[in-house]
Structures are given as C-alpha cells and as structure tokens.
Amino acid sequence: MAEKTFNLHFGSGIVAEEAQASDEYKVSTIQLLSFTEGPASGRHAVRFCYYSHRGTFQRSPLILDESSISDLRREVKACPKLHALLSKLVE
C-alpha cells in the first residue's frame, strides 16, 4: 500500500501510523502525523478524522459512537507510537 501523505499550512509529511474502525456510515480514523517539511518539521501530531466507505477523506470532525470505541481501541493498540502518544492524553 502506498504511503499516505498530508499537507497542512504549517507543514507536511507522512501518516506514520493509522488506526481505523468501520461502521455503517464511515471509517473512523486516528492518525499519527509525522512532519517532514515546514515549520513543524520533526514533530508529531494526532489527527482524528474519518473517511467515506469509498476511501475519500472527509474534512468534518470525527464523531464516535459507543459501538465504535472497542474496535478503534483494538486498532490503536496495534499502533505502538500512536498508542503511546494517546496514552499521555488520559494519564
């Protein structure tokens, strides 16, 4: 699979890790962004987003319902860097 990239006004880079869980409406996604260019170069960030079932990135905020939490948690645990960063959020 091709490496996913992103481009924001403060930097661009690659999606280093990605956890996804699908429901009937969307593919909920949490991404670890690794900045390689621009003012944010060398930093990491977490993006909460979603994709359509056709694979199109959606620019609206991610809304998770309770039924998606356990699937997404399992997927996050399979992404060690993303899991470590998100763990800091709830410590």
PDB file of N, CA and C in Angstrom:
ATOM      1  N   MET A   1       0.843  -1.179   0.000  1.00  0.00           N
ATOM      2  CA  MET A   1       0.000   0.000   0.000  1.00  0.00           C
ATOM      3  C   MET A   1       0.891   1.246   0.000  1.00  0.00           C
ATOM      4  N   ALA A   2       0.489   2.253  -0.744  1.00  0.00           N
ATOM      5  CA  ALA A   2       1.263   3.492  -0.843  1.00  0.00           C
ATOM      6  C   ALA A   2       1.234   4.259   0.474  1.00  0.00           C
ATOM      7  N   GLU A   3       2.338   4.922   0.755  1.00  0.00           N
ATOM      8  CA  GLU A   3       2.445   5.735   1.960  1.00  0.00           C
ATOM      9  C   GLU A   3       1.503   6.937   1.844  1.00  0.00           C
ATOM     10  N   LYS A   4       0.734   7.189   2.903  1.00  0.00           N
ATOM     11  CA  LYS A   4      -0.170   8.338   2.911  1.00  0.00           C
ATOM     12  C   LYS A   4       0.606   9.578   3.314  1.00  0.00           C
ATOM     13  N   THR A   5       0.311  10.666   2.641  1.00  0.00           N
ATOM     14  CA  THR A   5       0.942  11.939   2.952  1.00  0.00           C
ATOM     15  C   THR A   5      -0.130  12.952   3.340  1.00  0.00           C
ATOM     16  N   PHE A   6       0.300  14.053   3.931  1.00  0.00           N
ATOM     17  CA  PHE A   6      -0.614  15.142   4.265  1.00  0.00           C
ATOM     18  C   PHE A   6       0.102  16.460   4.029  1.00  0.00           C
ATOM     19  N   ASN A   7      -0.683  17.514   3.858  1.00  0.00           N
ATOM     20  CA  ASN A   7      -0.136  18.841   3.624  1.00  0.00           C
ATOM     21  C   ASN A   7      -1.021  19.852   4.338  1.00  0.00           C
ATOM     22  N   LEU A   8      -0.484  20.480   5.365  1.00  0.00           N
ATOM     23  CA  LEU A   8      -1.193  21.496   6.132  1.00  0.00           C
ATOM     24  C   LEU A   8      -0.446  22.817   6.005  1.00  0.00           C
ATOM     25  N   HIS A   9      -1.059  23.914   6.386  1.00  0.00           N
ATOM     26  CA  HIS A   9      -0.413  25.217   6.209  1.00  0.00           C
ATOM     27  C   HIS A   9       0.855  25.378   7.050  1.00  0.00           C
ATOM     28  N   PHE A  10       1.033  24.578   8.094  1.00  0.00           N
ATOM     29  CA  PHE A  10       2.216  24.689   8.956  1.00  0.00           C
ATOM     30  C   PHE A  10       3.191  23.542   8.766  1.00  0.00           C
ATOM     31  N   GLY A  11       2.970  22.704   7.760  1.00  0.00           N
ATOM     32  CA  GLY A  11       3.904  21.629   7.482  1.00  0.00           C
ATOM     33  C   GLY A  11       3.257  20.471   6.747  1.00  0.00           C
ATOM     34  N   SER A  12       4.090  19.602   6.236  1.00  0.00           N
ATOM     35  CA  SER A  12       3.614  18.416   5.532  1.00  0.00           C
ATOM     36  C   SER A  12       4.453  17.223   5.964  1.00  0.00           C
ATOM     37  N   GLY A  13       3.986  16.036   5.598  1.00  0.00           N
ATOM     38  CA  GLY A  13       4.719  14.834   5.972  1.00  0.00           C
ATOM     39  C   GLY A  13       3.958  13.577   5.638  1.00  0.00           C
ATOM     40  N   ILE A  14       4.180  12.553   6.471  1.00  0.00           N
ATOM     41  CA  ILE A  14       3.577  11.240   6.234  1.00  0.00           C
ATOM     42  C   ILE A  14       2.680  10.845   7.407  1.00  0.00           C
ATOM     43  N   VAL A  15       1.736   9.962   7.102  1.00  0.00           N
ATOM     44  CA  VAL A  15       0.932   9.334   8.142  1.00  0.00           C
ATOM     45  C   VAL A  15       1.745   8.137   8.620  1.00  0.00           C
ATOM     46  N   ALA A  16       2.366   8.272   9.799  1.00  0.00           N
ATOM     47  CA  ALA A  16       3.283   7.248  10.306  1.00  0.00           C
ATOM     48  C   ALA A  16       2.542   6.003  10.781  1.00  0.00           C
ATOM     49  N   GLU A  17       1.399   6.198  11.437  1.00  0.00           N
ATOM     50  CA  GLU A  17       0.564   5.080  11.897  1.00  0.00           C
ATOM     51  C   GLU A  17      -0.890   5.500  11.770  1.00  0.00           C
ATOM     52  N   GLU A  18      -1.751   4.492  11.596  1.00  0.00           N
ATOM     53  CA  GLU A  18      -3.168   4.782  11.405  1.00  0.00           C
ATOM     54  C   GLU A  18      -4.007   3.659  11.998  1.00  0.00           C
ATOM     55  N   ALA A  19      -4.980   4.035  12.808  1.00  0.00           N
ATOM     56  CA  ALA A  19      -5.935   3.081  13.375  1.00  0.00           C
ATOM     57  C   ALA A  19      -7.305   3.407  12.795  1.00  0.00           C
ATOM     58  N   GLN A  20      -8.011   2.376  12.300  1.00  0.00           N
ATOM     59  CA  GLN A  20      -9.313   2.602  11.685  1.00  0.00           C
ATOM     60  C   GLN A  20     -10.329   1.581  12.159  1.00  0.00           C
ATOM     61  N   ALA A  21     -11.567   2.050  12.295  1.00  0.00           N
ATOM     62  CA  ALA A  21     -12.691   1.175  12.618  1.00  0.00           C
ATOM     63  C   ALA A  21     -13.871   1.618  11.765  1.00  0.00           C
ATOM     64  N   SER A  22     -14.486   0.673  11.111  1.00  0.00           N
ATOM     65  CA  SER A  22     -15.568   0.976  10.181  1.00  0.00           C
ATOM     66  C   SER A  22     -16.928   0.686  10.809  1.00  0.00           C
ATOM     67  N   ASP A  23     -17.895   1.565  10.529  1.00  0.00           N
ATOM     68  CA  ASP A  23     -19.284   1.294  10.892  1.00  0.00           C
ATOM     69  C   ASP A  23     -20.132   1.500   9.639  1.00  0.00           C
ATOM     70  N   GLU A  24     -21.430   1.520   9.786  1.00  0.00           N
ATOM     71  CA  GLU A  24     -22.285   1.605   8.603  1.00  0.00           C
ATOM     72  C   GLU A  24     -22.201   2.952   7.889  1.00  0.00           C
ATOM     73  N   TYR A  25     -21.699   3.995   8.558  1.00  0.00           N
ATOM     74  CA  TYR A  25     -21.688   5.337   7.988  1.00  0.00           C
ATOM     75  C   TYR A  25     -20.325   5.807   7.496  1.00  0.00           C
ATOM     76  N   LYS A  26     -19.249   5.348   8.141  1.00  0.00           N
ATOM     77  CA  LYS A  26     -17.928   5.922   7.872  1.00  0.00           C
ATOM     78  C   LYS A  26     -16.824   4.993   8.359  1.00  0.00           C
ATOM     79  N   VAL A  27     -15.590   5.384   8.071  1.00  0.00           N
ATOM     80  CA  VAL A  27     -14.409   4.702   8.586  1.00  0.00           C
ATOM     81  C   VAL A  27     -13.722   5.679   9.543  1.00  0.00           C
ATOM     82  N   SER A  28     -13.947   5.485  10.845  1.00  0.00           N
ATOM     83  CA  SER A  28     -13.346   6.342  11.869  1.00  0.00           C
ATOM     84  C   SER A  28     -11.847   6.094  11.887  1.00  0.00           C
ATOM     85  N   THR A  29     -11.075   7.177  11.979  1.00  0.00           N
ATOM     86  CA  THR A  29      -9.631   7.073  11.812  1.00  0.00           C
ATOM     87  C   THR A  29      -8.896   7.968  12.805  1.00  0.00           C
ATOM     88  N   ILE A  30      -7.843   7.424  13.410  1.00  0.00           N
ATOM     89  CA  ILE A  30      -6.919   8.205  14.221  1.00  0.00           C
ATOM     90  C   ILE A  30      -5.544   8.008  13.595  1.00  0.00           C
ATOM     91  N   GLN A  31      -4.885   9.123  13.268  1.00  0.00           N
ATOM     92  CA  GLN A  31      -3.608   9.065  12.564  1.00  0.00           C
ATOM     93  C   GLN A  31      -2.496   9.726  13.371  1.00  0.00           C
ATOM     94  N   LEU A  32      -1.322   9.117  13.323  1.00  0.00           N
ATOM     95  CA  LEU A  32      -0.114   9.737  13.846  1.00  0.00           C
ATOM     96  C   LEU A  32       0.568  10.422  12.667  1.00  0.00           C
ATOM     97  N   LEU A  33       0.594  11.748  12.693  1.00  0.00           N
ATOM     98  CA  LEU A  33       1.203  12.521  11.620  1.00  0.00           C
ATOM     99  C   LEU A  33       2.657  12.815  11.971  1.00  0.00           C
ATOM    100  N   SER A  34       3.533  12.563  11.039  1.00  0.00           N
ATOM    101  CA  SER A  34       4.957  12.832  11.215  1.00  0.00           C
ATOM    102  C   SER A  34       5.355  13.924  10.220  1.00  0.00           C
ATOM    103  N   PHE A  35       5.670  15.117  10.750  1.00  0.00           N
ATOM    104  CA  PHE A  35       6.008  16.252   9.899  1.00  0.00           C
ATOM    105  C   PHE A  35       7.446  16.138   9.406  1.00  0.00           C
ATOM    106  N   THR A  36       7.624  16.272   8.097  1.00  0.00           N
ATOM    107  CA  THR A  36       8.953  16.203   7.491  1.00  0.00           C
ATOM    108  C   THR A  36       9.355  17.506   6.808  1.00  0.00           C
ATOM    109  N   GLU A  37       8.410  18.414   6.598  1.00  0.00           N
ATOM    110  CA  GLU A  37       8.667  19.691   5.919  1.00  0.00           C
ATOM    111  C   GLU A  37       7.947  20.815   6.646  1.00  0.00           C
ATOM    112  N   GLY A  38       8.450  22.028   6.512  1.00  0.00           N
ATOM    113  CA  GLY A  38       7.790  23.211   7.044  1.00  0.00           C
ATOM    114  C   GLY A  38       8.157  23.508   8.486  1.00  0.00           C
ATOM    115  N   PRO A  39       7.488  24.504   9.078  1.00  0.00           N
ATOM    116  CA  PRO A  39       7.790  24.924  10.442  1.00  0.00           C
ATOM    117  C   PRO A  39       7.634  23.809  11.488  1.00  0.00           C
ATOM    118  N   ALA A  40       6.774  22.840  11.230  1.00  0.00           N
ATOM    119  CA  ALA A  40       6.539  21.756  12.189  1.00  0.00           C
ATOM    120  C   ALA A  40       7.451  20.550  11.955  1.00  0.00           C
ATOM    121  N   SER A  41       8.396  20.657  11.052  1.00  0.00           N
ATOM    122  CA  SER A  41       9.287  19.544  10.718  1.00  0.00           C
ATOM    123  C   SER A  41       9.917  18.941  11.974  1.00  0.00           C
ATOM    124  N   GLY A  42       9.901  17.608  12.049  1.00  0.00           N
ATOM    125  CA  GLY A  42      10.464  16.902  13.192  1.00  0.00           C
ATOM    126  C   GLY A  42       9.466  16.633  14.308  1.00  0.00           C
ATOM    127  N   ARG A  43       8.280  17.179  14.214  1.00  0.00           N
ATOM    128  CA  ARG A  43       7.255  16.986  15.250  1.00  0.00           C
ATOM    129  C   ARG A  43       6.258  15.916  14.831  1.00  0.00           C
ATOM    130  N   HIS A  44       5.484  15.473  15.827  1.00  0.00           N
ATOM    131  CA  HIS A  44       4.401  14.522  15.596  1.00  0.00           C
ATOM    132  C   HIS A  44       3.100  15.123  16.109  1.00  0.00           C
ATOM    133  N   ALA A  45       2.000  14.724  15.499  1.00  0.00           N
ATOM    134  CA  ALA A  45       0.680  15.187  15.916  1.00  0.00           C
ATOM    135  C   ALA A  45      -0.324  14.065  15.695  1.00  0.00           C
ATOM    136  N   VAL A  46      -1.453  14.153  16.371  1.00  0.00           N
ATOM    137  CA  VAL A  46      -2.529  13.174  16.218  1.00  0.00           C
ATOM    138  C   VAL A  46      -3.695  13.849  15.511  1.00  0.00           C
ATOM    139  N   ARG A  47      -4.211  13.191  14.479  1.00  0.00           N
ATOM    140  CA  ARG A  47      -5.386  13.703  13.765  1.00  0.00           C
ATOM    141  C   ARG A  47      -6.532  12.713  13.946  1.00  0.00           C
ATOM    142  N   PHE A  48      -7.673  13.218  14.376  1.00  0.00           N
ATOM    143  CA  PHE A  48      -8.908  12.451  14.482  1.00  0.00           C
ATOM    144  C   PHE A  48      -9.746  12.827  13.263  1.00  0.00           C
ATOM    145  N   CYS A  49     -10.028  11.867  12.403  1.00  0.00           N
ATOM    146  CA  CYS A  49     -10.734  12.163  11.160  1.00  0.00           C
ATOM    147  C   CYS A  49     -11.556  10.941  10.747  1.00  0.00           C
ATOM    148  N   TYR A  50     -12.152  11.028   9.567  1.00  0.00           N
ATOM    149  CA  TYR A  50     -12.835   9.853   9.038  1.00  0.00           C
ATOM    150  C   TYR A  50     -12.829   9.876   7.519  1.00  0.00           C
ATOM    151  N   TYR A  51     -13.071   8.707   6.951  1.00  0.00           N
ATOM    152  CA  TYR A  51     -13.131   8.521   5.511  1.00  0.00           C
ATOM    153  C   TYR A  51     -14.501   7.968   5.150  1.00  0.00           C
ATOM    154  N   SER A  52     -14.926   8.230   3.920  1.00  0.00           N
ATOM    155  CA  SER A  52     -16.136   7.586   3.415  1.00  0.00           C
ATOM    156  C   SER A  52     -15.795   6.120   3.138  1.00  0.00           C
ATOM    157  N   HIS A  53     -16.799   5.315   2.902  1.00  0.00           N
ATOM    158  CA  HIS A  53     -16.541   3.912   2.564  1.00  0.00           C
ATOM    159  C   HIS A  53     -15.898   3.768   1.187  1.00  0.00           C
ATOM    160  N   ARG A  54     -15.885   4.834   0.407  1.00  0.00           N
ATOM    161  CA  ARG A  54     -15.205   4.824  -0.891  1.00  0.00           C
ATOM    162  C   ARG A  54     -13.748   5.256  -0.762  1.00  0.00           C
ATOM    163  N   GLY A  55     -13.319   5.587   0.476  1.00  0.00           N
ATOM    164  CA  GLY A  55     -11.928   5.956   0.712  1.00  0.00           C
ATOM    165  C   GLY A  55     -11.632   7.437   0.614  1.00  0.00           C
ATOM    166  N   THR A  56     -12.673   8.269   0.542  1.00  0.00           N
ATOM    167  CA  THR A  56     -12.484   9.714   0.428  1.00  0.00           C
ATOM    168  C   THR A  56     -12.336  10.341   1.806  1.00  0.00           C
ATOM    169  N   PHE A  57     -11.253  11.121   1.991  1.00  0.00           N
ATOM    170  CA  PHE A  57     -11.031  11.836   3.246  1.00  0.00           C
ATOM    171  C   PHE A  57     -12.136  12.863   3.434  1.00  0.00           C
ATOM    172  N   GLN A  58     -12.688  12.934   4.648  1.00  0.00           N
ATOM    173  CA  GLN A  58     -13.757  13.880   4.964  1.00  0.00           C
ATOM    174  C   GLN A  58     -13.211  14.977   5.873  1.00  0.00           C
ATOM    175  N   ARG A  59     -13.544  16.208   5.609  1.00  0.00           N
ATOM    176  CA  ARG A  59     -12.996  17.344   6.355  1.00  0.00           C
ATOM    177  C   ARG A  59     -13.856  17.764   7.542  1.00  0.00           C
ATOM    178  N   SER A  60     -14.807  16.973   7.919  1.00  0.00           N
ATOM    179  CA  SER A  60     -15.636  17.254   9.092  1.00  0.00           C
ATOM    180  C   SER A  60     -15.003  16.609  10.318  1.00  0.00           C
ATOM    181  N   PRO A  61     -15.382  17.042  11.528  1.00  0.00           N
ATOM    182  CA  PRO A  61     -14.837  16.418  12.736  1.00  0.00           C
ATOM    183  C   PRO A  61     -15.293  14.962  12.872  1.00  0.00           C
ATOM    184  N   LEU A  62     -14.448  14.156  13.475  1.00  0.00           N
ATOM    185  CA  LEU A  62     -14.801  12.766  13.762  1.00  0.00           C
ATOM    186  C   LEU A  62     -15.755  12.722  14.944  1.00  0.00           C
ATOM    187  N   ILE A  63     -16.860  12.026  14.773  1.00  0.00           N
ATOM    188  CA  ILE A  63     -17.808  11.776  15.859  1.00  0.00           C
ATOM    189  C   ILE A  63     -17.871  10.267  16.041  1.00  0.00           C
ATOM    190  N   LEU A  64     -17.523   9.807  17.243  1.00  0.00           N
ATOM    191  CA  LEU A  64     -17.528   8.371  17.548  1.00  0.00           C
ATOM    192  C   LEU A  64     -18.744   8.013  18.376  1.00  0.00           C
ATOM    193  N   ASP A  65     -19.422   6.947  17.998  1.00  0.00           N
ATOM    194  CA  ASP A  65     -20.476   6.450  18.875  1.00  0.00           C
ATOM    195  C   ASP A  65     -19.911   5.308  19.716  1.00  0.00           C
ATOM    196  N   GLU A  66     -20.627   4.958  20.757  1.00  0.00           N
ATOM    197  CA  GLU A  66     -20.124   3.952  21.709  1.00  0.00           C
ATOM    198  C   GLU A  66     -19.784   2.627  21.053  1.00  0.00           C
ATOM    199  N   SER A  67     -20.521   2.240  20.032  1.00  0.00           N
ATOM    200  CA  SER A  67     -20.287   0.935  19.414  1.00  0.00           C
ATOM    201  C   SER A  67     -18.956   0.866  18.664  1.00  0.00           C
ATOM    202  N   SER A  68     -18.362   2.005  18.338  1.00  0.00           N
ATOM    203  CA  SER A  68     -17.084   2.028  17.612  1.00  0.00           C
ATOM    204  C   SER A  68     -15.866   2.032  18.523  1.00  0.00           C
ATOM    205  N   ILE A  69     -16.054   2.342  19.793  1.00  0.00           N
ATOM    206  CA  ILE A  69     -14.927   2.533  20.708  1.00  0.00           C
ATOM    207  C   ILE A  69     -14.059   1.282  20.840  1.00  0.00           C
ATOM    208  N   SER A  70     -14.662   0.129  21.074  1.00  0.00           N
ATOM    209  CA  SER A  70     -13.852  -1.078  21.308  1.00  0.00           C
ATOM    210  C   SER A  70     -13.056  -1.474  20.066  1.00  0.00           C
ATOM    211  N   ASP A  71     -13.644  -1.353  18.882  1.00  0.00           N
ATOM    212  CA  ASP A  71     -12.909  -1.678  17.653  1.00  0.00           C
ATOM    213  C   ASP A  71     -11.749  -0.716  17.436  1.00  0.00           C
ATOM    214  N   LEU A  72     -11.996   0.566  17.660  1.00  0.00           N
ATOM    215  CA  LEU A  72     -10.940   1.553  17.467  1.00  0.00           C
ATOM    216  C   LEU A  72      -9.846   1.400  18.524  1.00  0.00           C
ATOM    217  N   ARG A  73     -10.219   1.058  19.756  1.00  0.00           N
ATOM    218  CA  ARG A  73      -9.224   0.821  20.813  1.00  0.00           C
ATOM    219  C   ARG A  73      -8.303  -0.329  20.412  1.00  0.00           C
ATOM    220  N   ARG A  74      -8.865  -1.401  19.887  1.00  0.00           N
ATOM    221  CA  ARG A  74      -8.062  -2.552  19.457  1.00  0.00           C
ATOM    222  C   ARG A  74      -7.086  -2.136  18.348  1.00  0.00           C
ATOM    223  N   GLU A  75      -7.539  -1.333  17.422  1.00  0.00           N
ATOM    224  CA  GLU A  75      -6.684  -0.882  16.326  1.00  0.00           C
ATOM    225  C   GLU A  75      -5.583   0.065  16.816  1.00  0.00           C
ATOM    226  N   VAL A  76      -5.903   0.937  17.773  1.00  0.00           N
ATOM    227  CA  VAL A  76      -4.893   1.843  18.336  1.00  0.00           C
ATOM    228  C   VAL A  76      -3.810   1.045  19.054  1.00  0.00           C
ATOM    229  N   LYS A  77      -4.195   0.000  19.772  1.00  0.00           N
ATOM    230  CA  LYS A  77      -3.208  -0.825  20.482  1.00  0.00           C
ATOM    231  C   LYS A  77      -2.227  -1.493  19.526  1.00  0.00           C
ATOM    232  N   ALA A  78      -2.616  -1.678  18.270  1.00  0.00           N
ATOM    233  CA  ALA A  78      -1.740  -2.286  17.266  1.00  0.00           C
ATOM    234  C   ALA A  78      -0.773  -1.268  16.651  1.00  0.00           C
ATOM    235  N   CYS A  79      -0.888  -0.010  17.048  1.00  0.00           N
ATOM    236  CA  CYS A  79      -0.020   1.075  16.557  1.00  0.00           C
ATOM    237  C   CYS A  79       0.778   1.607  17.742  1.00  0.00           C
ATOM    238  N   PRO A  80       1.976   1.086  18.006  1.00  0.00           N
ATOM    239  CA  PRO A  80       2.690   1.395  19.254  1.00  0.00           C
ATOM    240  C   PRO A  80       2.983   2.881  19.497  1.00  0.00           C
ATOM    241  N   LYS A  81       3.395   3.613  18.485  1.00  0.00           N
ATOM    242  CA  LYS A  81       3.710   5.036  18.683  1.00  0.00           C
ATOM    243  C   LYS A  81       2.446   5.847  18.931  1.00  0.00           C
ATOM    244  N   LEU A  82       1.412   5.562  18.170  1.00  0.00           N
ATOM    245  CA  LEU A  82       0.131   6.246  18.339  1.00  0.00           C
ATOM    246  C   LEU A  82      -0.458   5.929  19.706  1.00  0.00           C
ATOM    247  N   HIS A  83      -0.393   4.672  20.111  1.00  0.00           N
ATOM    248  CA  HIS A  83      -0.908   4.251  21.415  1.00  0.00           C
ATOM    249  C   HIS A  83      -0.183   4.980  22.544  1.00  0.00           C
ATOM    250  N   ALA A  84       1.136   5.072  22.447  1.00  0.00           N
ATOM    251  CA  ALA A  84       1.921   5.744  23.494  1.00  0.00           C
ATOM    252  C   ALA A  84       1.550   7.221  23.600  1.00  0.00           C
ATOM    253  N   LEU A  85       1.375   7.882  22.474  1.00  0.00           N
ATOM    254  CA  LEU A  85       1.032   9.303  22.491  1.00  0.00           C
ATOM    255  C   LEU A  85      -0.380   9.526  23.030  1.00  0.00           C
ATOM    256  N   LEU A  86      -1.329   8.706  22.614  1.00  0.00           N
ATOM    257  CA  LEU A  86      -2.702   8.848  23.106  1.00  0.00           C
ATOM    258  C   LEU A  86      -2.810   8.502  24.588  1.00  0.00           C
ATOM    259  N   SER A  87      -1.971   7.601  25.067  1.00  0.00           N
ATOM    260  CA  SER A  87      -1.983   7.253  26.492  1.00  0.00           C
ATOM    261  C   SER A  87      -1.663   8.464  27.353  1.00  0.00           C
ATOM    262  N   LYS A  88      -0.818   9.361  26.853  1.00  0.00           N
ATOM    263  CA  LYS A  88      -0.493  10.585  27.587  1.00  0.00           C
ATOM    264  C   LYS A  88      -1.717  11.484  27.752  1.00  0.00           C
ATOM    265  N   LEU A  89      -2.672  11.359  26.852  1.00  0.00           N
ATOM    266  CA  LEU A  89      -3.888  12.166  26.900  1.00  0.00           C
ATOM    267  C   LEU A  89      -4.770  11.803  28.084  1.00  0.00           C
ATOM    268  N   VAL A  90      -4.728  10.553  28.518  1.00  0.00           N
ATOM    269  CA  VAL A  90      -5.640  10.092  29.570  1.00  0.00           C
ATOM    270  C   VAL A  90      -4.938   9.737  30.874  1.00  0.00           C
ATOM    271  N   GLU A  91      -3.652  10.022  30.983  1.00  0.00           N
ATOM    272  CA  GLU A  91      -2.920   9.735  32.225  1.00  0.00           C
ATOM    273  C   GLU A  91      -3.355  10.669  33.324  1.00  0.00           C
TER     274      GLU A  91
END
